[in-house]
Amino acid sequence: MNQNQQKIQNPETQVPKTPQMNERDFINDLLTTEKYMTTSYSMALHEASHQGLYQDIMQIFTETQQCQRDLFDLMFKKGWYSFEAAEQQKLQQAYQQYQGYTNQFPNGGTLQ
């Protein structure tokens, strides 16, 4: 198998293929909703001018982000979420490209 075609995936948990929503459909819907909510909370954080409001939204954002991660982990564990394996050459090219940007960072590219 060509490395371009390799998938990173767990064995898929089978669900009924019916017109009714199944477990996978419900979890996928929840994950999509959590993604939308974290994006919305992130925008609210950027625009919150009151410190107390900012802290409340940050707390909710963090909890929502954790829910999103837990749902993603569950879908990946059940084999309902997969990734294409990246070619080592492409990874190396991206690393070299972005490594060159570090000299644009404050402090001369040194990370502290």
PDB file of N, CA and C in Angstrom:
ATOM      1  N   MET A   1       0.843  -1.178   0.000  1.00  0.00           N
ATOM      2  CA  MET A   1       0.000   0.000   0.000  1.00  0.00           C
ATOM      3  C   MET A   1       0.883   1.235   0.000  1.00  0.00           C
ATOM      4  N   ASN A   2       0.570   2.189  -0.849  1.00  0.00           N
ATOM      5  CA  ASN A   2       1.290   3.445  -0.922  1.00  0.00           C
ATOM      6  C   ASN A   2       1.046   4.238   0.354  1.00  0.00           C
ATOM      7  N   GLN A   3       2.084   4.933   0.837  1.00  0.00           N
ATOM      8  CA  GLN A   3       1.949   5.687   2.081  1.00  0.00           C
ATOM      9  C   GLN A   3       0.866   6.754   1.957  1.00  0.00           C
ATOM     10  N   ASN A   4       0.633   7.296   0.755  1.00  0.00           N
ATOM     11  CA  ASN A   4      -0.420   8.297   0.559  1.00  0.00           C
ATOM     12  C   ASN A   4      -1.787   7.735   0.903  1.00  0.00           C
ATOM     13  N   GLN A   5      -1.951   6.435   0.786  1.00  0.00           N
ATOM     14  CA  GLN A   5      -3.256   5.823   0.956  1.00  0.00           C
ATOM     15  C   GLN A   5      -3.448   5.220   2.340  1.00  0.00           C
ATOM     16  N   GLN A   6      -2.461   5.318   3.219  1.00  0.00           N
ATOM     17  CA  GLN A   6      -2.592   4.747   4.550  1.00  0.00           C
ATOM     18  C   GLN A   6      -3.499   5.607   5.399  1.00  0.00           C
ATOM     19  N   LYS A   7      -4.385   4.922   6.112  1.00  0.00           N
ATOM     20  CA  LYS A   7      -5.273   5.626   7.029  1.00  0.00           C
ATOM     21  C   LYS A   7      -4.882   5.285   8.448  1.00  0.00           C
ATOM     22  N   ILE A   8      -4.988   6.270   9.300  1.00  0.00           N
ATOM     23  CA  ILE A   8      -4.790   6.071  10.729  1.00  0.00           C
ATOM     24  C   ILE A   8      -6.188   5.986  11.308  1.00  0.00           C
ATOM     25  N   GLN A   9      -6.567   4.775  11.729  1.00  0.00           N
ATOM     26  CA  GLN A   9      -7.947   4.560  12.150  1.00  0.00           C
ATOM     27  C   GLN A   9      -8.024   3.316  13.017  1.00  0.00           C
ATOM     28  N   ASN A  10      -8.907   3.350  13.988  1.00  0.00           N
ATOM     29  CA  ASN A  10      -9.201   2.176  14.794  1.00  0.00           C
ATOM     30  C   ASN A  10     -10.246   1.332  14.064  1.00  0.00           C
ATOM     31  N   PRO A  11     -10.404   0.060  14.471  1.00  0.00           N
ATOM     32  CA  PRO A  11     -11.460  -0.753  13.857  1.00  0.00           C
ATOM     33  C   PRO A  11     -12.813  -0.075  14.068  1.00  0.00           C
ATOM     34  N   GLU A  12     -13.622  -0.060  13.019  1.00  0.00           N
ATOM     35  CA  GLU A  12     -14.893   0.662  13.065  1.00  0.00           C
ATOM     36  C   GLU A  12     -15.959  -0.119  13.827  1.00  0.00           C
ATOM     37  N   THR A  13     -16.589   0.544  14.771  1.00  0.00           N
ATOM     38  CA  THR A  13     -17.735  -0.022  15.482  1.00  0.00           C
ATOM     39  C   THR A  13     -18.933   0.099  14.551  1.00  0.00           C
ATOM     40  N   GLN A  14     -19.579  -1.013  14.274  1.00  0.00           N
ATOM     41  CA  GLN A  14     -20.700  -1.025  13.345  1.00  0.00           C
ATOM     42  C   GLN A  14     -21.956  -0.458  13.997  1.00  0.00           C
ATOM     43  N   VAL A  15     -22.707   0.300  13.215  1.00  0.00           N
ATOM     44  CA  VAL A  15     -23.985   0.845  13.649  1.00  0.00           C
ATOM     45  C   VAL A  15     -25.020   0.516  12.576  1.00  0.00           C
ATOM     46  N   PRO A  16     -26.290   0.445  12.950  1.00  0.00           N
ATOM     47  CA  PRO A  16     -27.325   0.133  11.958  1.00  0.00           C
ATOM     48  C   PRO A  16     -27.378   1.194  10.859  1.00  0.00           C
ATOM     49  N   LYS A  17     -27.512   0.747   9.632  1.00  0.00           N
ATOM     50  CA  LYS A  17     -27.650   1.661   8.491  1.00  0.00           C
ATOM     51  C   LYS A  17     -29.147   1.806   8.194  1.00  0.00           C
ATOM     52  N   THR A  18     -29.787   2.692   8.926  1.00  0.00           N
ATOM     53  CA  THR A  18     -31.220   2.922   8.772  1.00  0.00           C
ATOM     54  C   THR A  18     -31.462   4.419   8.615  1.00  0.00           C
ATOM     55  N   PRO A  19     -32.675   4.802   8.224  1.00  0.00           N
ATOM     56  CA  PRO A  19     -32.985   6.241   8.115  1.00  0.00           C
ATOM     57  C   PRO A  19     -32.960   6.955   9.472  1.00  0.00           C
ATOM     58  N   GLN A  20     -33.139   6.216  10.561  1.00  0.00           N
ATOM     59  CA  GLN A  20     -33.104   6.822  11.886  1.00  0.00           C
ATOM     60  C   GLN A  20     -31.653   7.114  12.282  1.00  0.00           C
ATOM     61  N   MET A  21     -31.498   8.137  13.099  1.00  0.00           N
ATOM     62  CA  MET A  21     -30.156   8.461  13.573  1.00  0.00           C
ATOM     63  C   MET A  21     -29.648   7.343  14.472  1.00  0.00           C
ATOM     64  N   ASN A  22     -28.392   6.971  14.289  1.00  0.00           N
ATOM     65  CA  ASN A  22     -27.775   5.951  15.123  1.00  0.00           C
ATOM     66  C   ASN A  22     -26.770   6.624  16.061  1.00  0.00           C
ATOM     67  N   GLU A  23     -26.054   5.814  16.844  1.00  0.00           N
ATOM     68  CA  GLU A  23     -25.099   6.350  17.814  1.00  0.00           C
ATOM     69  C   GLU A  23     -24.043   7.228  17.140  1.00  0.00           C
ATOM     70  N   ARG A  24     -23.538   6.768  16.006  1.00  0.00           N
ATOM     71  CA  ARG A  24     -22.523   7.547  15.287  1.00  0.00           C
ATOM     72  C   ARG A  24     -23.085   8.895  14.855  1.00  0.00           C
ATOM     73  N   ASP A  25     -24.308   8.914  14.326  1.00  0.00           N
ATOM     74  CA  ASP A  25     -24.934  10.163  13.890  1.00  0.00           C
ATOM     75  C   ASP A  25     -25.094  11.144  15.050  1.00  0.00           C
ATOM     76  N   PHE A  26     -25.554  10.640  16.197  1.00  0.00           N
ATOM     77  CA  PHE A  26     -25.752  11.505  17.361  1.00  0.00           C
ATOM     78  C   PHE A  26     -24.424  12.101  17.841  1.00  0.00           C
ATOM     79  N   ILE A  27     -23.406  11.249  17.929  1.00  0.00           N
ATOM     80  CA  ILE A  27     -22.105  11.737  18.413  1.00  0.00           C
ATOM     81  C   ILE A  27     -21.491  12.710  17.419  1.00  0.00           C
ATOM     82  N   ASN A  28     -21.627  12.425  16.134  1.00  0.00           N
ATOM     83  CA  ASN A  28     -21.116  13.336  15.109  1.00  0.00           C
ATOM     84  C   ASN A  28     -21.835  14.685  15.176  1.00  0.00           C
ATOM     85  N   ASP A  29     -23.152  14.654  15.400  1.00  0.00           N
ATOM     86  CA  ASP A  29     -23.921  15.889  15.541  1.00  0.00           C
ATOM     87  C   ASP A  29     -23.452  16.682  16.764  1.00  0.00           C
ATOM     88  N   LEU A  30     -23.222  15.981  17.865  1.00  0.00           N
ATOM     89  CA  LEU A  30     -22.714  16.640  19.073  1.00  0.00           C
ATOM     90  C   LEU A  30     -21.336  17.257  18.825  1.00  0.00           C
ATOM     91  N   LEU A  31     -20.465  16.514  18.151  1.00  0.00           N
ATOM     92  CA  LEU A  31     -19.120  17.014  17.869  1.00  0.00           C
ATOM     93  C   LEU A  31     -19.181  18.271  16.997  1.00  0.00           C
ATOM     94  N   THR A  32     -20.020  18.260  15.989  1.00  0.00           N
ATOM     95  CA  THR A  32     -20.175  19.418  15.116  1.00  0.00           C
ATOM     96  C   THR A  32     -20.688  20.622  15.908  1.00  0.00           C
ATOM     97  N   THR A  33     -21.630  20.380  16.803  1.00  0.00           N
ATOM     98  CA  THR A  33     -22.169  21.455  17.636  1.00  0.00           C
ATOM     99  C   THR A  33     -21.093  22.015  18.559  1.00  0.00           C
ATOM    100  N   GLU A  34     -20.304  21.142  19.181  1.00  0.00           N
ATOM    101  CA  GLU A  34     -19.236  21.596  20.076  1.00  0.00           C
ATOM    102  C   GLU A  34     -18.191  22.407  19.315  1.00  0.00           C
ATOM    103  N   LYS A  35     -17.869  21.998  18.099  1.00  0.00           N
ATOM    104  CA  LYS A  35     -16.920  22.763  17.280  1.00  0.00           C
ATOM    105  C   LYS A  35     -17.461  24.159  17.012  1.00  0.00           C
ATOM    106  N   TYR A  36     -18.725  24.234  16.659  1.00  0.00           N
ATOM    107  CA  TYR A  36     -19.351  25.534  16.408  1.00  0.00           C
ATOM    108  C   TYR A  36     -19.330  26.394  17.677  1.00  0.00           C
ATOM    109  N   MET A  37     -19.662  25.774  18.805  1.00  0.00           N
ATOM    110  CA  MET A  37     -19.709  26.520  20.059  1.00  0.00           C
ATOM    111  C   MET A  37     -18.332  27.037  20.463  1.00  0.00           C
ATOM    112  N   THR A  38     -17.288  26.223  20.322  1.00  0.00           N
ATOM    113  CA  THR A  38     -15.950  26.696  20.703  1.00  0.00           C
ATOM    114  C   THR A  38     -15.501  27.840  19.800  1.00  0.00           C
ATOM    115  N   THR A  39     -15.848  27.774  18.531  1.00  0.00           N
ATOM    116  CA  THR A  39     -15.522  28.875  17.624  1.00  0.00           C
ATOM    117  C   THR A  39     -16.247  30.151  18.054  1.00  0.00           C
ATOM    118  N   SER A  40     -17.515  30.017  18.402  1.00  0.00           N
ATOM    119  CA  SER A  40     -18.303  31.182  18.835  1.00  0.00           C
ATOM    120  C   SER A  40     -17.776  31.746  20.147  1.00  0.00           C
ATOM    121  N   TYR A  41     -17.463  30.867  21.111  1.00  0.00           N
ATOM    122  CA  TYR A  41     -16.909  31.346  22.385  1.00  0.00           C
ATOM    123  C   TYR A  41     -15.559  32.027  22.170  1.00  0.00           C
ATOM    124  N   SER A  42     -14.779  31.513  21.246  1.00  0.00           N
ATOM    125  CA  SER A  42     -13.485  32.120  20.957  1.00  0.00           C
ATOM    126  C   SER A  42     -13.664  33.552  20.451  1.00  0.00           C
ATOM    127  N   MET A  43     -14.626  33.746  19.560  1.00  0.00           N
ATOM    128  CA  MET A  43     -14.887  35.105  19.074  1.00  0.00           C
ATOM    129  C   MET A  43     -15.369  35.997  20.215  1.00  0.00           C
ATOM    130  N   ALA A  44     -16.208  35.471  21.091  1.00  0.00           N
ATOM    131  CA  ALA A  44     -16.692  36.255  22.230  1.00  0.00           C
ATOM    132  C   ALA A  44     -15.529  36.643  23.142  1.00  0.00           C
ATOM    133  N   LEU A  45     -14.575  35.735  23.326  1.00  0.00           N
ATOM    134  CA  LEU A  45     -13.404  36.048  24.154  1.00  0.00           C
ATOM    135  C   LEU A  45     -12.599  37.206  23.575  1.00  0.00           C
ATOM    136  N   HIS A  46     -12.483  37.232  22.260  1.00  0.00           N
ATOM    137  CA  HIS A  46     -11.731  38.313  21.613  1.00  0.00           C
ATOM    138  C   HIS A  46     -12.387  39.673  21.838  1.00  0.00           C
ATOM    139  N   GLU A  47     -13.701  39.662  22.023  1.00  0.00           N
ATOM    140  CA  GLU A  47     -14.432  40.926  22.085  1.00  0.00           C
ATOM    141  C   GLU A  47     -14.933  41.281  23.479  1.00  0.00           C
ATOM    142  N   ALA A  48     -14.674  40.452  24.472  1.00  0.00           N
ATOM    143  CA  ALA A  48     -15.161  40.729  25.824  1.00  0.00           C
ATOM    144  C   ALA A  48     -14.337  41.863  26.439  1.00  0.00           C
ATOM    145  N   SER A  49     -15.016  42.932  26.804  1.00  0.00           N
ATOM    146  CA  SER A  49     -14.300  44.076  27.370  1.00  0.00           C
ATOM    147  C   SER A  49     -14.321  44.070  28.892  1.00  0.00           C
ATOM    148  N   HIS A  50     -15.194  43.302  29.485  1.00  0.00           N
ATOM    149  CA  HIS A  50     -15.320  43.242  30.945  1.00  0.00           C
ATOM    150  C   HIS A  50     -14.577  42.001  31.453  1.00  0.00           C
ATOM    151  N   GLN A  51     -13.685  42.177  32.408  1.00  0.00           N
ATOM    152  CA  GLN A  51     -12.840  41.078  32.890  1.00  0.00           C
ATOM    153  C   GLN A  51     -13.662  39.926  33.460  1.00  0.00           C
ATOM    154  N   GLY A  52     -14.705  40.239  34.233  1.00  0.00           N
ATOM    155  CA  GLY A  52     -15.540  39.183  34.809  1.00  0.00           C
ATOM    156  C   GLY A  52     -16.240  38.366  33.732  1.00  0.00           C
ATOM    157  N   LEU A  53     -16.769  39.047  32.727  1.00  0.00           N
ATOM    158  CA  LEU A  53     -17.421  38.368  31.604  1.00  0.00           C
ATOM    159  C   LEU A  53     -16.403  37.506  30.855  1.00  0.00           C
ATOM    160  N   TYR A  54     -15.213  38.064  30.632  1.00  0.00           N
ATOM    161  CA  TYR A  54     -14.151  37.316  29.958  1.00  0.00           C
ATOM    162  C   TYR A  54     -13.851  36.021  30.713  1.00  0.00           C
ATOM    163  N   GLN A  55     -13.710  36.104  32.029  1.00  0.00           N
ATOM    164  CA  GLN A  55     -13.394  34.918  32.833  1.00  0.00           C
ATOM    165  C   GLN A  55     -14.511  33.885  32.779  1.00  0.00           C
ATOM    166  N   ASP A  56     -15.776  34.348  32.811  1.00  0.00           N
ATOM    167  CA  ASP A  56     -16.907  33.408  32.708  1.00  0.00           C
ATOM    168  C   ASP A  56     -16.919  32.701  31.359  1.00  0.00           C
ATOM    169  N   ILE A  57     -16.722  33.484  30.297  1.00  0.00           N
ATOM    170  CA  ILE A  57     -16.711  32.881  28.956  1.00  0.00           C
ATOM    171  C   ILE A  57     -15.523  31.936  28.809  1.00  0.00           C
ATOM    172  N   MET A  58     -14.376  32.310  29.373  1.00  0.00           N
ATOM    173  CA  MET A  58     -13.194  31.447  29.299  1.00  0.00           C
ATOM    174  C   MET A  58     -13.459  30.107  29.977  1.00  0.00           C
ATOM    175  N   GLN A  59     -14.132  30.127  31.117  1.00  0.00           N
ATOM    176  CA  GLN A  59     -14.482  28.889  31.820  1.00  0.00           C
ATOM    177  C   GLN A  59     -15.393  28.015  30.953  1.00  0.00           C
ATOM    178  N   ILE A  60     -16.404  28.627  30.367  1.00  0.00           N
ATOM    179  CA  ILE A  60     -17.336  27.890  29.510  1.00  0.00           C
ATOM    180  C   ILE A  60     -16.611  27.381  28.266  1.00  0.00           C
ATOM    181  N   PHE A  61     -15.761  28.218  27.684  1.00  0.00           N
ATOM    182  CA  PHE A  61     -14.981  27.827  26.508  1.00  0.00           C
ATOM    183  C   PHE A  61     -14.134  26.589  26.815  1.00  0.00           C
ATOM    184  N   THR A  62     -13.451  26.616  27.962  1.00  0.00           N
ATOM    185  CA  THR A  62     -12.576  25.508  28.344  1.00  0.00           C
ATOM    186  C   THR A  62     -13.373  24.213  28.519  1.00  0.00           C
ATOM    187  N   GLU A  63     -14.521  24.304  29.167  1.00  0.00           N
ATOM    188  CA  GLU A  63     -15.363  23.120  29.352  1.00  0.00           C
ATOM    189  C   GLU A  63     -15.887  22.609  28.010  1.00  0.00           C
ATOM    190  N   THR A  64     -16.282  23.524  27.145  1.00  0.00           N
ATOM    191  CA  THR A  64     -16.794  23.145  25.826  1.00  0.00           C
ATOM    192  C   THR A  64     -15.694  22.525  24.982  1.00  0.00           C
ATOM    193  N   GLN A  65     -14.496  23.094  25.056  1.00  0.00           N
ATOM    194  CA  GLN A  65     -13.354  22.554  24.317  1.00  0.00           C
ATOM    195  C   GLN A  65     -13.043  21.132  24.788  1.00  0.00           C
ATOM    196  N   GLN A  66     -13.140  20.892  26.102  1.00  0.00           N
ATOM    197  CA  GLN A  66     -12.885  19.548  26.622  1.00  0.00           C
ATOM    198  C   GLN A  66     -13.955  18.576  26.152  1.00  0.00           C
ATOM    199  N   CYS A  67     -15.208  19.023  26.109  1.00  0.00           N
ATOM    200  CA  CYS A  67     -16.292  18.177  25.577  1.00  0.00           C
ATOM    201  C   CYS A  67     -16.007  17.815  24.121  1.00  0.00           C
ATOM    202  N   GLN A  68     -15.582  18.812  23.354  1.00  0.00           N
ATOM    203  CA  GLN A  68     -15.261  18.572  21.948  1.00  0.00           C
ATOM    204  C   GLN A  68     -14.161  17.523  21.834  1.00  0.00           C
ATOM    205  N   ARG A  69     -13.128  17.654  22.639  1.00  0.00           N
ATOM    206  CA  ARG A  69     -12.019  16.704  22.589  1.00  0.00           C
ATOM    207  C   ARG A  69     -12.470  15.302  22.988  1.00  0.00           C
ATOM    208  N   ASP A  70     -13.299  15.212  24.022  1.00  0.00           N
ATOM    209  CA  ASP A  70     -13.801  13.910  24.469  1.00  0.00           C
ATOM    210  C   ASP A  70     -14.640  13.240  23.386  1.00  0.00           C
ATOM    211  N   LEU A  71     -15.479  14.019  22.698  1.00  0.00           N
ATOM    212  CA  LEU A  71     -16.291  13.457  21.614  1.00  0.00           C
ATOM    213  C   LEU A  71     -15.409  13.016  20.448  1.00  0.00           C
ATOM    214  N   PHE A  72     -14.401  13.823  20.112  1.00  0.00           N
ATOM    215  CA  PHE A  72     -13.465  13.442  19.061  1.00  0.00           C
ATOM    216  C   PHE A  72     -12.763  12.134  19.436  1.00  0.00           C
ATOM    217  N   ASP A  73     -12.265  12.054  20.674  1.00  0.00           N
ATOM    218  CA  ASP A  73     -11.581  10.838  21.124  1.00  0.00           C
ATOM    219  C   ASP A  73     -12.497   9.622  21.031  1.00  0.00           C
ATOM    220  N   LEU A  74     -13.759   9.790  21.418  1.00  0.00           N
ATOM    221  CA  LEU A  74     -14.721   8.688  21.346  1.00  0.00           C
ATOM    222  C   LEU A  74     -14.935   8.252  19.905  1.00  0.00           C
ATOM    223  N   MET A  75     -15.109   9.210  19.013  1.00  0.00           N
ATOM    224  CA  MET A  75     -15.311   8.850  17.599  1.00  0.00           C
ATOM    225  C   MET A  75     -14.072   8.175  17.019  1.00  0.00           C
ATOM    226  N   PHE A  76     -12.892   8.658  17.384  1.00  0.00           N
ATOM    227  CA  PHE A  76     -11.662   8.038  16.891  1.00  0.00           C
ATOM    228  C   PHE A  76     -11.524   6.625  17.445  1.00  0.00           C
ATOM    229  N   LYS A  77     -11.822   6.459  18.739  1.00  0.00           N
ATOM    230  CA  LYS A  77     -11.717   5.145  19.377  1.00  0.00           C
ATOM    231  C   LYS A  77     -12.660   4.135  18.726  1.00  0.00           C
ATOM    232  N   LYS A  78     -13.841   4.598  18.307  1.00  0.00           N
ATOM    233  CA  LYS A  78     -14.824   3.709  17.692  1.00  0.00           C
ATOM    234  C   LYS A  78     -14.584   3.521  16.187  1.00  0.00           C
ATOM    235  N   GLY A  79     -13.540   4.175  15.662  1.00  0.00           N
ATOM    236  CA  GLY A  79     -13.199   4.007  14.252  1.00  0.00           C
ATOM    237  C   GLY A  79     -14.048   4.847  13.323  1.00  0.00           C
ATOM    238  N   TRP A  80     -14.719   5.845  13.852  1.00  0.00           N
ATOM    239  CA  TRP A  80     -15.590   6.699  13.036  1.00  0.00           C
ATOM    240  C   TRP A  80     -14.898   7.974  12.588  1.00  0.00           C
ATOM    241  N   TYR A  81     -13.653   8.143  12.963  1.00  0.00           N
ATOM    242  CA  TYR A  81     -12.872   9.317  12.586  1.00  0.00           C
ATOM    243  C   TYR A  81     -11.499   8.796  12.197  1.00  0.00           C
ATOM    244  N   SER A  82     -11.016   9.193  11.035  1.00  0.00           N
ATOM    245  CA  SER A  82      -9.721   8.694  10.587  1.00  0.00           C
ATOM    246  C   SER A  82      -8.909   9.827   9.976  1.00  0.00           C
ATOM    247  N   PHE A  83      -7.641   9.534   9.757  1.00  0.00           N
ATOM    248  CA  PHE A  83      -6.708  10.502   9.172  1.00  0.00           C
ATOM    249  C   PHE A  83      -5.943   9.820   8.058  1.00  0.00           C
ATOM    250  N   GLU A  84      -5.503  10.614   7.112  1.00  0.00           N
ATOM    251  CA  GLU A  84      -4.594  10.125   6.088  1.00  0.00           C
ATOM    252  C   GLU A  84      -3.181  10.279   6.636  1.00  0.00           C
ATOM    253  N   ALA A  85      -2.372   9.256   6.506  1.00  0.00           N
ATOM    254  CA  ALA A  85      -0.983   9.343   6.958  1.00  0.00           C
ATOM    255  C   ALA A  85      -0.236  10.326   6.059  1.00  0.00           C
ATOM    256  N   ALA A  86       0.549  11.175   6.657  1.00  0.00           N
ATOM    257  CA  ALA A  86       1.330  12.153   5.892  1.00  0.00           C
ATOM    258  C   ALA A  86       2.646  11.525   5.442  1.00  0.00           C
ATOM    259  N   GLU A  87       3.087  11.925   4.267  1.00  0.00           N
ATOM    260  CA  GLU A  87       4.375  11.460   3.770  1.00  0.00           C
ATOM    261  C   GLU A  87       5.484  12.135   4.569  1.00  0.00           C
ATOM    262  N   GLN A  88       6.520  11.385   4.896  1.00  0.00           N
ATOM    263  CA  GLN A  88       7.643  11.927   5.662  1.00  0.00           C
ATOM    264  C   GLN A  88       8.269  13.113   4.941  1.00  0.00           C
ATOM    265  N   GLN A  89       8.359  13.041   3.613  1.00  0.00           N
ATOM    266  CA  GLN A  89       8.965  14.129   2.842  1.00  0.00           C
ATOM    267  C   GLN A  89       8.150  15.421   2.994  1.00  0.00           C
ATOM    268  N   LYS A  90       6.816  15.320   2.974  1.00  0.00           N
ATOM    269  CA  LYS A  90       5.973  16.504   3.130  1.00  0.00           C
ATOM    270  C   LYS A  90       6.081  17.077   4.536  1.00  0.00           C
ATOM    271  N   LEU A  91       6.180  16.206   5.535  1.00  0.00           N
ATOM    272  CA  LEU A  91       6.360  16.672   6.903  1.00  0.00           C
ATOM    273  C   LEU A  91       7.676  17.444   7.035  1.00  0.00           C
ATOM    274  N   GLN A  92       8.739  16.903   6.456  1.00  0.00           N
ATOM    275  CA  GLN A  92      10.044  17.545   6.520  1.00  0.00           C
ATOM    276  C   GLN A  92      10.028  18.892   5.806  1.00  0.00           C
ATOM    277  N   GLN A  93       9.352  18.966   4.653  1.00  0.00           N
ATOM    278  CA  GLN A  93       9.259  20.229   3.920  1.00  0.00           C
ATOM    279  C   GLN A  93       8.516  21.280   4.738  1.00  0.00           C
ATOM    280  N   ALA A  94       7.404  20.894   5.351  1.00  0.00           N
ATOM    281  CA  ALA A  94       6.632  21.840   6.170  1.00  0.00           C
ATOM    282  C   ALA A  94       7.452  22.291   7.371  1.00  0.00           C
ATOM    283  N   TYR A  95       8.159  21.359   7.996  1.00  0.00           N
ATOM    284  CA  TYR A  95       9.001  21.709   9.144  1.00  0.00           C
ATOM    285  C   TYR A  95      10.059  22.732   8.737  1.00  0.00           C
ATOM    286  N   GLN A  96      10.728  22.473   7.624  1.00  0.00           N
ATOM    287  CA  GLN A  96      11.778  23.392   7.166  1.00  0.00           C
ATOM    288  C   GLN A  96      11.205  24.755   6.812  1.00  0.00           C
ATOM    289  N   GLN A  97      10.037  24.776   6.185  1.00  0.00           N
ATOM    290  CA  GLN A  97       9.405  26.038   5.808  1.00  0.00           C
ATOM    291  C   GLN A  97       9.114  26.877   7.049  1.00  0.00           C
ATOM    292  N   TYR A  98       8.500  26.281   8.046  1.00  0.00           N
ATOM    293  CA  TYR A  98       8.114  27.040   9.227  1.00  0.00           C
ATOM    294  C   TYR A  98       9.289  27.291  10.173  1.00  0.00           C
ATOM    295  N   GLN A  99      10.289  26.443  10.122  1.00  0.00           N
ATOM    296  CA  GLN A  99      11.492  26.674  10.923  1.00  0.00           C
ATOM    297  C   GLN A  99      12.156  27.974  10.493  1.00  0.00           C
ATOM    298  N   GLY A 100      12.064  28.284   9.194  1.00  0.00           N
ATOM    299  CA  GLY A 100      12.639  29.520   8.682  1.00  0.00           C
ATOM    300  C   GLY A 100      11.927  30.766   9.192  1.00  0.00           C
ATOM    301  N   TYR A 101      10.704  30.621   9.658  1.00  0.00           N
ATOM    302  CA  TYR A 101       9.946  31.764  10.166  1.00  0.00           C
ATOM    303  C   TYR A 101      10.348  32.145  11.583  1.00  0.00           C
ATOM    304  N   THR A 102      11.065  31.296  12.281  1.00  0.00           N
ATOM    305  CA  THR A 102      11.376  31.584  13.685  1.00  0.00           C
ATOM    306  C   THR A 102      12.228  32.837  13.847  1.00  0.00           C
ATOM    307  N   ASN A 103      12.984  33.197  12.817  1.00  0.00           N
ATOM    308  CA  ASN A 103      13.790  34.412  12.945  1.00  0.00           C
ATOM    309  C   ASN A 103      12.925  35.666  12.934  1.00  0.00           C
ATOM    310  N   GLN A 104      11.646  35.532  12.625  1.00  0.00           N
ATOM    311  CA  GLN A 104      10.716  36.659  12.645  1.00  0.00           C
ATOM    312  C   GLN A 104      10.080  36.841  14.015  1.00  0.00           C
ATOM    313  N   PHE A 105      10.313  35.892  14.933  1.00  0.00           N
ATOM    314  CA  PHE A 105       9.740  35.984  16.275  1.00  0.00           C
ATOM    315  C   PHE A 105      10.467  37.051  17.073  1.00  0.00           C
ATOM    316  N   PRO A 106       9.788  37.636  18.057  1.00  0.00           N
ATOM    317  CA  PRO A 106      10.510  38.509  18.993  1.00  0.00           C
ATOM    318  C   PRO A 106      11.612  37.704  19.669  1.00  0.00           C
ATOM    319  N   ASN A 107      12.589  38.332  20.206  1.00  0.00           N
ATOM    320  CA  ASN A 107      13.715  37.678  20.876  1.00  0.00           C
ATOM    321  C   ASN A 107      14.596  36.919  19.890  1.00  0.00           C
ATOM    322  N   GLY A 108      14.563  37.273  18.626  1.00  0.00           N
ATOM    323  CA  GLY A 108      15.463  36.670  17.649  1.00  0.00           C
ATOM    324  C   GLY A 108      15.192  35.203  17.368  1.00  0.00           C
ATOM    325  N   GLY A 109      13.975  34.759  17.573  1.00  0.00           N
ATOM    326  CA  GLY A 109      13.610  33.398  17.242  1.00  0.00           C
ATOM    327  C   GLY A 109      13.842  32.394  18.341  1.00  0.00           C
ATOM    328  N   THR A 110      14.301  32.847  19.492  1.00  0.00           N
ATOM    329  CA  THR A 110      14.476  31.911  20.593  1.00  0.00           C
ATOM    330  C   THR A 110      13.176  31.816  21.386  1.00  0.00           C
ATOM    331  N   LEU A 111      12.772  30.620  21.646  1.00  0.00           N
ATOM    332  CA  LEU A 111      11.555  30.395  22.437  1.00  0.00           C
ATOM    333  C   LEU A 111      11.929  30.244  23.891  1.00  0.00           C
ATOM    334  N   GLN A 112      11.153  30.856  24.753  1.00  0.00           N
ATOM    335  CA  GLN A 112      11.453  30.786  26.187  1.00  0.00           C
ATOM    336  C   GLN A 112      10.417  29.991  26.901  1.00  0.00           C
TER     337      GLN A 112
END
